[in-house]
Amino acid sequence: MKQTVWLSSLDEAAALIQDHHVVALGGMTMYRRPVAMVRALLRRQSRPQKLTLLCFTAGYESDLLVGAGCVEKIRSVYFGLEAFGLAPMFTTHAQTGQVQVVEETEASIVMGIRAQTSGVNFMPSHAWVGTDLPKLRPDVRTVVDPYTGEALMAFPAIHCDVAVLHGLEADPYGNVLLNNNIGIDFELVYVADTVIVSVERMVEQVKPTTAGTLLPAPGANYIVHTPQGAWPTSCYPDYPMSGGEILRYIDACNSEGFDQYLADFIADTRSDLSSK
């Protein structure tokens, strides 16, 4: 059985992600995203290259990685800034072919993760049958149900090297409290070889509550204390999304100011309060 390790800094956690890794980022749209961990990745002297991002939904934190040139491939059902519109750097890089977009739907990601956690090469499903989606994904093939003779789609297993989540609190035993907007965070925990969780608070003991969902030990391999670790995305009930910061980011990207925004983002020390 694996044992949870508390890390003293985000930089230690960021060092675990290497070139060509498949990296899953937890949270949903603009909520509870591991922004501070992305900052730690981007301020490394040697940033990771040719990453594959695996997200149920990708947002602000993923757009920063794309704009910084760290991402080669994207697997996500949605990539955007919710009510704030398109993700500017992803839109530009996708349109110019600088990143490869692997077409995914809710069903294809779920089936790929189920196959991986089941230890099989694919998972059959009725999803996509009769659609043109397989033309965009030649790796998704047709299989025949041996019991009925029915044609089904075979979704290949999705491998993940590192999953990064952000939570509300954790205790010395390795239990983590997430809020209730969990997306597919639990599935990412099961599919990833390594799980890193940044948390707002350290507590003596995480207690189950209707306001949150418990990720029991030893779900996380590594935990790091990271106050404000999701900002400017929301981390309910601790703090809301900063709409002003998201608008500032969009304005910077639209005025060719991404590089300066990225430099300011990296220099931000709001989450460098990890326990020593």
C-alpha atoms as a PDB file:
ATOM      1  CA  MET A   1       0.000   0.000   0.000  1.00  0.00           C
ATOM      2  CA  LYS A   2       1.314   3.450  -0.895  1.00  0.00           C
ATOM      3  CA  GLN A   3       2.013   6.012   1.818  1.00  0.00           C
ATOM      4  CA  THR A   4       1.226   9.709   1.549  1.00  0.00           C
ATOM      5  CA  VAL A   5       4.230  12.050   1.761  1.00  0.00           C
ATOM      6  CA  TRP A   6       3.909  15.692   2.811  1.00  0.00           C
ATOM      7  CA  LEU A   7       6.156  17.899   0.678  1.00  0.00           C
ATOM      8  CA  SER A   8       7.628  21.134   1.998  1.00  0.00           C
ATOM      9  CA  SER A   9       7.149  23.166  -1.189  1.00  0.00           C
ATOM     10  CA  LEU A  10       5.400  23.331  -4.510  1.00  0.00           C
ATOM     11  CA  ASP A  11       8.787  23.287  -6.197  1.00  0.00           C
ATOM     12  CA  GLU A  12       9.345  19.759  -4.887  1.00  0.00           C
ATOM     13  CA  ALA A  13       6.005  18.732  -6.323  1.00  0.00           C
ATOM     14  CA  ALA A  14       6.670  20.403  -9.666  1.00  0.00           C
ATOM     15  CA  ALA A  15       9.950  18.513 -10.013  1.00  0.00           C
ATOM     16  CA  LEU A  16       7.963  15.261 -10.235  1.00  0.00           C
ATOM     17  CA  ILE A  17       6.573  16.226 -13.661  1.00  0.00           C
ATOM     18  CA  GLN A  18       8.873  15.437 -16.558  1.00  0.00           C
ATOM     19  CA  ASP A  19       8.938  15.986 -20.326  1.00  0.00           C
ATOM     20  CA  HIS A  20       6.398  13.926 -22.298  1.00  0.00           C
ATOM     21  CA  HIS A  21       4.328  13.181 -19.191  1.00  0.00           C
ATOM     22  CA  VAL A  22       0.555  12.851 -19.389  1.00  0.00           C
ATOM     23  CA  VAL A  23      -0.581  15.331 -16.732  1.00  0.00           C
ATOM     24  CA  ALA A  24      -4.172  15.432 -15.475  1.00  0.00           C
ATOM     25  CA  LEU A  25      -5.414  18.647 -13.884  1.00  0.00           C
ATOM     26  CA  GLY A  26      -8.359  18.332 -11.522  1.00  0.00           C
ATOM     27  CA  GLY A  27     -11.230  20.665 -10.761  1.00  0.00           C
ATOM     28  CA  MET A  28     -14.036  21.887 -13.004  1.00  0.00           C
ATOM     29  CA  THR A  29     -14.029  24.779 -15.503  1.00  0.00           C
ATOM     30  CA  MET A  30     -13.095  27.786 -13.306  1.00  0.00           C
ATOM     31  CA  TYR A  31     -13.419  26.042  -9.955  1.00  0.00           C
ATOM     32  CA  ARG A  32     -10.761  24.485  -7.705  1.00  0.00           C
ATOM     33  CA  ARG A  33      -8.061  24.366 -10.342  1.00  0.00           C
ATOM     34  CA  PRO A  34      -4.421  23.635  -9.301  1.00  0.00           C
ATOM     35  CA  VAL A  35      -3.197  27.083 -10.383  1.00  0.00           C
ATOM     36  CA  ALA A  36      -0.336  27.343  -7.875  1.00  0.00           C
ATOM     37  CA  MET A  37       1.062  24.028  -9.074  1.00  0.00           C
ATOM     38  CA  VAL A  38       1.017  25.337 -12.637  1.00  0.00           C
ATOM     39  CA  ARG A  39       2.902  28.408 -11.424  1.00  0.00           C
ATOM     40  CA  ALA A  40       5.546  26.180  -9.866  1.00  0.00           C
ATOM     41  CA  LEU A  41       5.902  24.273 -13.143  1.00  0.00           C
ATOM     42  CA  LEU A  42       6.315  27.474 -15.137  1.00  0.00           C
ATOM     43  CA  ARG A  43       8.938  28.968 -12.847  1.00  0.00           C
ATOM     44  CA  ARG A  44      11.181  25.938 -13.091  1.00  0.00           C
ATOM     45  CA  GLN A  45      14.550  26.740 -14.646  1.00  0.00           C
ATOM     46  CA  SER A  46      13.805  24.011 -17.191  1.00  0.00           C
ATOM     47  CA  ARG A  47      10.078  23.922 -17.884  1.00  0.00           C
ATOM     48  CA  PRO A  48       8.521  20.584 -18.812  1.00  0.00           C
ATOM     49  CA  GLN A  49       8.072  20.127 -22.553  1.00  0.00           C
ATOM     50  CA  LYS A  50       5.734  18.153 -24.814  1.00  0.00           C
ATOM     51  CA  LEU A  51       3.192  17.475 -22.091  1.00  0.00           C
ATOM     52  CA  THR A  52      -0.165  15.884 -22.775  1.00  0.00           C
ATOM     53  CA  LEU A  53      -2.880  17.607 -20.748  1.00  0.00           C
ATOM     54  CA  LEU A  54      -5.704  15.347 -19.612  1.00  0.00           C
ATOM     55  CA  CYS A  55      -8.660  17.303 -18.228  1.00  0.00           C
ATOM     56  CA  PHE A  56     -12.363  16.790 -18.008  1.00  0.00           C
ATOM     57  CA  THR A  57     -12.561  20.533 -18.597  1.00  0.00           C
ATOM     58  CA  ALA A  58      -9.524  22.736 -19.198  1.00  0.00           C
ATOM     59  CA  GLY A  59      -9.412  26.415 -18.251  1.00  0.00           C
ATOM     60  CA  TYR A  60      -7.198  29.275 -17.092  1.00  0.00           C
ATOM     61  CA  GLU A  61      -4.432  27.092 -15.642  1.00  0.00           C
ATOM     62  CA  SER A  62      -4.240  24.947 -18.776  1.00  0.00           C
ATOM     63  CA  ASP A  63      -4.233  28.012 -21.046  1.00  0.00           C
ATOM     64  CA  LEU A  64      -1.140  29.292 -19.246  1.00  0.00           C
ATOM     65  CA  LEU A  65       0.682  26.019 -19.897  1.00  0.00           C
ATOM     66  CA  VAL A  66      -0.320  26.095 -23.563  1.00  0.00           C
ATOM     67  CA  GLY A  67       0.776  29.708 -23.972  1.00  0.00           C
ATOM     68  CA  ALA A  68       4.122  28.962 -22.328  1.00  0.00           C
ATOM     69  CA  GLY A  69       4.815  26.258 -24.915  1.00  0.00           C
ATOM     70  CA  CYS A  70       4.753  23.317 -22.496  1.00  0.00           C
ATOM     71  CA  VAL A  71       1.897  21.396 -24.108  1.00  0.00           C
ATOM     72  CA  GLU A  72       2.044  19.149 -27.159  1.00  0.00           C
ATOM     73  CA  LYS A  73      -1.339  17.418 -26.931  1.00  0.00           C
ATOM     74  CA  ILE A  74      -4.673  18.135 -25.254  1.00  0.00           C
ATOM     75  CA  ARG A  75      -7.363  15.646 -24.229  1.00  0.00           C
ATOM     76  CA  SER A  76     -10.365  17.466 -22.821  1.00  0.00           C
ATOM     77  CA  VAL A  77     -14.116  17.653 -23.254  1.00  0.00           C
ATOM     78  CA  TYR A  78     -14.022  21.466 -23.019  1.00  0.00           C
ATOM     79  CA  PHE A  79     -11.328  24.156 -23.094  1.00  0.00           C
ATOM     80  CA  GLY A  80     -12.458  27.658 -22.226  1.00  0.00           C
ATOM     81  CA  LEU A  81     -13.032  30.307 -19.595  1.00  0.00           C
ATOM     82  CA  GLU A  82     -16.718  29.599 -19.008  1.00  0.00           C
ATOM     83  CA  ALA A  83     -18.729  32.869 -18.914  1.00  0.00           C
ATOM     84  CA  PHE A  84     -15.597  34.787 -19.918  1.00  0.00           C
ATOM     85  CA  GLY A  85     -15.466  33.146 -23.328  1.00  0.00           C
ATOM     86  CA  LEU A  86     -12.694  31.405 -25.233  1.00  0.00           C
ATOM     87  CA  ALA A  87      -9.335  30.433 -23.774  1.00  0.00           C
ATOM     88  CA  PRO A  88      -7.157  32.790 -25.841  1.00  0.00           C
ATOM     89  CA  MET A  89      -3.844  30.930 -25.988  1.00  0.00           C
ATOM     90  CA  PHE A  90      -5.461  27.560 -26.628  1.00  0.00           C
ATOM     91  CA  THR A  91      -7.580  29.063 -29.403  1.00  0.00           C
ATOM     92  CA  THR A  92      -4.513  30.546 -31.104  1.00  0.00           C
ATOM     93  CA  HIS A  93      -2.346  27.461 -30.722  1.00  0.00           C
ATOM     94  CA  ALA A  94      -5.093  25.102 -31.864  1.00  0.00           C
ATOM     95  CA  GLN A  95      -5.888  27.198 -34.930  1.00  0.00           C
ATOM     96  CA  THR A  96      -2.217  27.398 -35.930  1.00  0.00           C
ATOM     97  CA  GLY A  97      -1.537  23.715 -35.289  1.00  0.00           C
ATOM     98  CA  GLN A  98       0.917  24.319 -32.446  1.00  0.00           C
ATOM     99  CA  VAL A  99      -0.949  21.837 -30.254  1.00  0.00           C
ATOM    100  CA  GLN A 100      -2.648  18.571 -31.141  1.00  0.00           C
ATOM    101  CA  VAL A 101      -6.243  18.269 -29.985  1.00  0.00           C
ATOM    102  CA  VAL A 102      -7.458  14.737 -29.306  1.00  0.00           C
ATOM    103  CA  GLU A 103     -11.216  14.771 -29.814  1.00  0.00           C
ATOM    104  CA  GLU A 104     -12.939  13.724 -26.600  1.00  0.00           C
ATOM    105  CA  THR A 105     -16.449  13.592 -25.194  1.00  0.00           C
ATOM    106  CA  GLU A 106     -17.625  12.796 -21.692  1.00  0.00           C
ATOM    107  CA  ALA A 107     -18.148   9.186 -22.756  1.00  0.00           C
ATOM    108  CA  SER A 108     -14.768   8.703 -24.428  1.00  0.00           C
ATOM    109  CA  ILE A 109     -12.787  10.033 -21.472  1.00  0.00           C
ATOM    110  CA  VAL A 110     -14.793   7.997 -18.976  1.00  0.00           C
ATOM    111  CA  MET A 111     -14.474   4.816 -21.043  1.00  0.00           C
ATOM    112  CA  GLY A 112     -10.731   5.344 -21.524  1.00  0.00           C
ATOM    113  CA  ILE A 113     -10.256   5.798 -17.787  1.00  0.00           C
ATOM    114  CA  ARG A 114     -12.403   2.752 -16.996  1.00  0.00           C
ATOM    115  CA  ALA A 115     -10.292   0.648 -19.339  1.00  0.00           C
ATOM    116  CA  GLN A 116      -7.075   1.837 -17.682  1.00  0.00           C
ATOM    117  CA  THR A 117      -8.305   1.193 -14.155  1.00  0.00           C
ATOM    118  CA  SER A 118      -9.646  -2.221 -15.207  1.00  0.00           C
ATOM    119  CA  GLY A 119      -6.276  -3.252 -16.631  1.00  0.00           C
ATOM    120  CA  VAL A 120      -7.605  -3.837 -20.150  1.00  0.00           C
ATOM    121  CA  ASN A 121      -6.691  -2.242 -23.472  1.00  0.00           C
ATOM    122  CA  PHE A 122     -10.136  -0.872 -24.265  1.00  0.00           C
ATOM    123  CA  MET A 123     -13.668  -0.433 -22.972  1.00  0.00           C
ATOM    124  CA  PRO A 124     -16.666  -1.142 -25.243  1.00  0.00           C
ATOM    125  CA  SER A 125     -19.589   1.256 -25.378  1.00  0.00           C
ATOM    126  CA  HIS A 126     -22.595   2.334 -27.428  1.00  0.00           C
ATOM    127  CA  ALA A 127     -21.206   5.888 -27.383  1.00  0.00           C
ATOM    128  CA  TRP A 128     -20.257   7.337 -30.785  1.00  0.00           C
ATOM    129  CA  VAL A 129     -22.035   4.531 -32.653  1.00  0.00           C
ATOM    130  CA  GLY A 130     -23.648   6.041 -35.741  1.00  0.00           C
ATOM    131  CA  THR A 131     -21.704   9.328 -35.508  1.00  0.00           C
ATOM    132  CA  ASP A 132     -18.791  10.793 -37.480  1.00  0.00           C
ATOM    133  CA  LEU A 133     -16.624  11.127 -34.370  1.00  0.00           C
ATOM    134  CA  PRO A 134     -14.588   7.952 -35.124  1.00  0.00           C
ATOM    135  CA  LYS A 135     -13.306   9.707 -38.279  1.00  0.00           C
ATOM    136  CA  LEU A 136     -11.503  12.134 -35.974  1.00  0.00           C
ATOM    137  CA  ARG A 137     -10.155   9.333 -33.770  1.00  0.00           C
ATOM    138  CA  PRO A 138      -8.779   6.426 -35.818  1.00  0.00           C
ATOM    139  CA  ASP A 139      -7.583   4.854 -32.557  1.00  0.00           C
ATOM    140  CA  VAL A 140     -11.239   4.310 -31.570  1.00  0.00           C
ATOM    141  CA  ARG A 141     -12.222   1.109 -33.323  1.00  0.00           C
ATOM    142  CA  THR A 142     -15.291  -1.086 -33.743  1.00  0.00           C
ATOM    143  CA  VAL A 143     -15.680  -4.396 -31.919  1.00  0.00           C
ATOM    144  CA  VAL A 144     -18.402  -7.012 -32.011  1.00  0.00           C
ATOM    145  CA  ASP A 145     -20.217  -8.043 -28.863  1.00  0.00           C
ATOM    146  CA  PRO A 146     -19.535 -11.822 -28.689  1.00  0.00           C
ATOM    147  CA  TYR A 147     -22.890 -12.429 -27.007  1.00  0.00           C
ATOM    148  CA  THR A 148     -25.220 -10.429 -29.259  1.00  0.00           C
ATOM    149  CA  GLY A 149     -23.208  -9.718 -32.412  1.00  0.00           C
ATOM    150  CA  GLU A 150     -23.879  -6.011 -31.920  1.00  0.00           C
ATOM    151  CA  ALA A 151     -21.266  -3.506 -33.151  1.00  0.00           C
ATOM    152  CA  LEU A 152     -19.779  -1.397 -30.356  1.00  0.00           C
ATOM    153  CA  MET A 153     -17.081   1.251 -30.130  1.00  0.00           C
ATOM    154  CA  ALA A 154     -13.822   0.266 -28.415  1.00  0.00           C
ATOM    155  CA  PHE A 155     -12.323   3.210 -26.535  1.00  0.00           C
ATOM    156  CA  PRO A 156      -8.603   2.712 -25.798  1.00  0.00           C
ATOM    157  CA  ALA A 157      -7.279   2.930 -22.258  1.00  0.00           C
ATOM    158  CA  ILE A 158      -5.979   6.344 -21.186  1.00  0.00           C
ATOM    159  CA  HIS A 159      -2.679   6.308 -19.336  1.00  0.00           C
ATOM    160  CA  CYS A 160      -1.816   9.125 -16.923  1.00  0.00           C
ATOM    161  CA  ASP A 161       1.577   9.783 -15.352  1.00  0.00           C
ATOM    162  CA  VAL A 162       0.661  12.495 -12.842  1.00  0.00           C
ATOM    163  CA  ALA A 163      -2.670  13.864 -11.595  1.00  0.00           C
ATOM    164  CA  VAL A 164      -2.708  17.221  -9.800  1.00  0.00           C
ATOM    165  CA  LEU A 165      -5.685  18.200  -7.646  1.00  0.00           C
ATOM    166  CA  HIS A 166      -6.455  21.074  -5.292  1.00  0.00           C
ATOM    167  CA  GLY A 167      -8.386  20.525  -2.075  1.00  0.00           C
ATOM    168  CA  LEU A 168      -9.678  22.367   0.959  1.00  0.00           C
ATOM    169  CA  GLU A 169      -7.754  20.560   3.687  1.00  0.00           C
ATOM    170  CA  ALA A 170      -5.693  17.524   4.554  1.00  0.00           C
ATOM    171  CA  ASP A 171      -4.537  15.790   7.708  1.00  0.00           C
ATOM    172  CA  PRO A 172      -1.281  14.017   8.670  1.00  0.00           C
ATOM    173  CA  TYR A 173      -2.814  10.673   7.744  1.00  0.00           C
ATOM    174  CA  GLY A 174      -3.247  11.702   4.107  1.00  0.00           C
ATOM    175  CA  ASN A 175      -7.012  12.244   4.038  1.00  0.00           C
ATOM    176  CA  VAL A 176      -8.072  15.129   1.789  1.00  0.00           C
ATOM    177  CA  LEU A 177     -11.296  17.141   1.734  1.00  0.00           C
ATOM    178  CA  LEU A 178     -12.461  18.320  -1.696  1.00  0.00           C
ATOM    179  CA  ASN A 179     -15.530  20.456  -2.210  1.00  0.00           C
ATOM    180  CA  ASN A 180     -18.545  18.866  -3.882  1.00  0.00           C
ATOM    181  CA  ASN A 181     -17.803  20.109  -7.405  1.00  0.00           C
ATOM    182  CA  ILE A 182     -15.436  17.206  -8.046  1.00  0.00           C
ATOM    183  CA  GLY A 183     -15.785  16.564 -11.785  1.00  0.00           C
ATOM    184  CA  ILE A 184     -13.773  13.393 -12.432  1.00  0.00           C
ATOM    185  CA  ASP A 185     -11.153  13.988  -9.729  1.00  0.00           C
ATOM    186  CA  PHE A 186     -11.691  10.576  -8.142  1.00  0.00           C
ATOM    187  CA  GLU A 187     -11.311   8.864 -11.514  1.00  0.00           C
ATOM    188  CA  LEU A 188      -8.049  10.752 -12.103  1.00  0.00           C
ATOM    189  CA  VAL A 189      -6.771   9.502  -8.749  1.00  0.00           C
ATOM    190  CA  TYR A 190      -7.432   5.916  -9.816  1.00  0.00           C
ATOM    191  CA  VAL A 191      -5.871   6.256 -13.267  1.00  0.00           C
ATOM    192  CA  ALA A 192      -2.693   8.205 -12.423  1.00  0.00           C
ATOM    193  CA  ASP A 193       0.636   6.653 -11.487  1.00  0.00           C
ATOM    194  CA  THR A 194       1.324   9.601  -9.151  1.00  0.00           C
ATOM    195  CA  VAL A 195      -1.204  11.870  -7.426  1.00  0.00           C
ATOM    196  CA  ILE A 196      -0.238  15.314  -6.094  1.00  0.00           C
ATOM    197  CA  VAL A 197      -2.732  17.333  -4.046  1.00  0.00           C
ATOM    198  CA  SER A 198      -2.267  20.936  -2.946  1.00  0.00           C
ATOM    199  CA  VAL A 199      -4.505  22.008  -0.061  1.00  0.00           C
ATOM    200  CA  GLU A 200      -5.643  25.259   1.506  1.00  0.00           C
ATOM    201  CA  ARG A 201      -5.229  24.081   5.090  1.00  0.00           C
ATOM    202  CA  MET A 202      -3.549  21.492   7.253  1.00  0.00           C
ATOM    203  CA  VAL A 203      -5.764  20.089  10.025  1.00  0.00           C
ATOM    204  CA  GLU A 204      -5.369  17.520  12.770  1.00  0.00           C
ATOM    205  CA  GLN A 205      -8.069  15.319  11.293  1.00  0.00           C
ATOM    206  CA  VAL A 206     -10.243  15.680   8.214  1.00  0.00           C
ATOM    207  CA  LYS A 207     -13.864  15.085   9.132  1.00  0.00           C
ATOM    208  CA  PRO A 208     -16.584  14.068   6.665  1.00  0.00           C
ATOM    209  CA  THR A 209     -19.035  16.869   5.917  1.00  0.00           C
ATOM    210  CA  THR A 210     -21.937  17.466   3.575  1.00  0.00           C
ATOM    211  CA  ALA A 211     -20.080  20.568   2.348  1.00  0.00           C
ATOM    212  CA  GLY A 212     -17.279  18.480   0.880  1.00  0.00           C
ATOM    213  CA  THR A 213     -16.202  15.102  -0.448  1.00  0.00           C
ATOM    214  CA  LEU A 214     -13.544  13.047   1.287  1.00  0.00           C
ATOM    215  CA  LEU A 215     -10.638  11.593  -0.661  1.00  0.00           C
ATOM    216  CA  PRO A 216      -9.458   9.004   1.865  1.00  0.00           C
ATOM    217  CA  ALA A 217      -5.853   8.032   2.446  1.00  0.00           C
ATOM    218  CA  PRO A 218      -3.872   6.845   0.664  1.00  0.00           C
ATOM    219  CA  GLY A 219      -5.421   8.420  -2.443  1.00  0.00           C
ATOM    220  CA  ALA A 220      -2.712  11.073  -2.667  1.00  0.00           C
ATOM    221  CA  ASN A 221       0.950  10.184  -3.045  1.00  0.00           C
ATOM    222  CA  TYR A 222       2.072  13.712  -2.222  1.00  0.00           C
ATOM    223  CA  ILE A 223       0.369  16.606  -0.414  1.00  0.00           C
ATOM    224  CA  VAL A 224       1.636  20.172  -0.154  1.00  0.00           C
ATOM    225  CA  HIS A 225       0.198  23.004   1.931  1.00  0.00           C
ATOM    226  CA  THR A 226      -0.809  25.718  -0.545  1.00  0.00           C
ATOM    227  CA  PRO A 227      -3.039  28.572   0.674  1.00  0.00           C
ATOM    228  CA  GLN A 228      -4.782  30.401  -2.166  1.00  0.00           C
ATOM    229  CA  GLY A 229      -3.633  27.565  -4.396  1.00  0.00           C
ATOM    230  CA  ALA A 230      -6.595  27.785  -6.781  1.00  0.00           C
ATOM    231  CA  TRP A 231      -6.726  31.580  -7.163  1.00  0.00           C
ATOM    232  CA  PRO A 232      -7.919  33.255  -9.380  1.00  0.00           C
ATOM    233  CA  THR A 233     -10.282  30.323  -9.908  1.00  0.00           C
ATOM    234  CA  SER A 234     -12.789  29.632  -7.156  1.00  0.00           C
ATOM    235  CA  CYS A 235     -12.226  27.436  -4.123  1.00  0.00           C
ATOM    236  CA  TYR A 236     -15.647  27.352  -2.516  1.00  0.00           C
ATOM    237  CA  PRO A 237     -16.348  28.077   0.303  1.00  0.00           C
ATOM    238  CA  ASP A 238     -12.948  29.668   0.991  1.00  0.00           C
ATOM    239  CA  TYR A 239     -12.896  32.271  -1.788  1.00  0.00           C
ATOM    240  CA  PRO A 240     -14.730  33.123  -5.006  1.00  0.00           C
ATOM    241  CA  MET A 241     -13.378  33.321  -8.514  1.00  0.00           C
ATOM    242  CA  SER A 242     -11.597  36.592  -9.304  1.00  0.00           C
ATOM    243  CA  GLY A 243     -13.405  37.812 -12.399  1.00  0.00           C
ATOM    244  CA  GLY A 244     -11.210  40.905 -12.530  1.00  0.00           C
ATOM    245  CA  GLU A 245      -8.058  38.796 -12.795  1.00  0.00           C
ATOM    246  CA  ILE A 246      -9.540  36.608 -15.527  1.00  0.00           C
ATOM    247  CA  LEU A 247     -10.493  39.720 -17.505  1.00  0.00           C
ATOM    248  CA  ARG A 248      -6.980  41.099 -17.001  1.00  0.00           C
ATOM    249  CA  TYR A 249      -5.582  37.864 -18.407  1.00  0.00           C
ATOM    250  CA  ILE A 250      -7.849  37.981 -21.455  1.00  0.00           C
ATOM    251  CA  ASP A 251      -6.983  41.635 -22.101  1.00  0.00           C
ATOM    252  CA  ALA A 252      -3.274  40.845 -21.892  1.00  0.00           C
ATOM    253  CA  CYS A 253      -3.560  37.968 -24.352  1.00  0.00           C
ATOM    254  CA  ASN A 254      -5.654  40.025 -26.781  1.00  0.00           C
ATOM    255  CA  SER A 255      -3.108  42.861 -26.741  1.00  0.00           C
ATOM    256  CA  GLU A 256      -0.071  40.621 -27.298  1.00  0.00           C
ATOM    257  CA  GLY A 257       0.819  40.929 -23.643  1.00  0.00           C
ATOM    258  CA  PHE A 258       0.853  37.234 -22.701  1.00  0.00           C
ATOM    259  CA  ASP A 259       4.618  37.139 -22.069  1.00  0.00           C
ATOM    260  CA  GLN A 260       4.427  40.016 -19.587  1.00  0.00           C
ATOM    261  CA  TYR A 261       1.381  38.502 -17.907  1.00  0.00           C
ATOM    262  CA  LEU A 262       3.218  35.189 -17.601  1.00  0.00           C
ATOM    263  CA  ALA A 263       6.234  36.912 -16.041  1.00  0.00           C
ATOM    264  CA  ASP A 264       3.979  38.628 -13.495  1.00  0.00           C
ATOM    265  CA  PHE A 265       2.123  35.365 -12.843  1.00  0.00           C
ATOM    266  CA  ILE A 266       5.362  33.493 -12.136  1.00  0.00           C
ATOM    267  CA  ALA A 267       6.556  36.250  -9.806  1.00  0.00           C
ATOM    268  CA  ASP A 268       3.344  36.112  -7.736  1.00  0.00           C
ATOM    269  CA  THR A 269       4.149  34.656  -4.317  1.00  0.00           C
ATOM    270  CA  ARG A 270       0.602  34.432  -2.870  1.00  0.00           C
ATOM    271  CA  SER A 271       0.770  30.611  -2.651  1.00  0.00           C
ATOM    272  CA  ASP A 272       4.382  30.343  -1.440  1.00  0.00           C
ATOM    273  CA  LEU A 273       3.225  29.775   2.137  1.00  0.00           C
ATOM    274  CA  SER A 274       3.875  26.043   2.166  1.00  0.00           C
ATOM    275  CA  SER A 275       4.792  24.510   5.488  1.00  0.00           C
ATOM    276  CA  LYS A 276       8.522  24.219   6.011  1.00  0.00           C
END
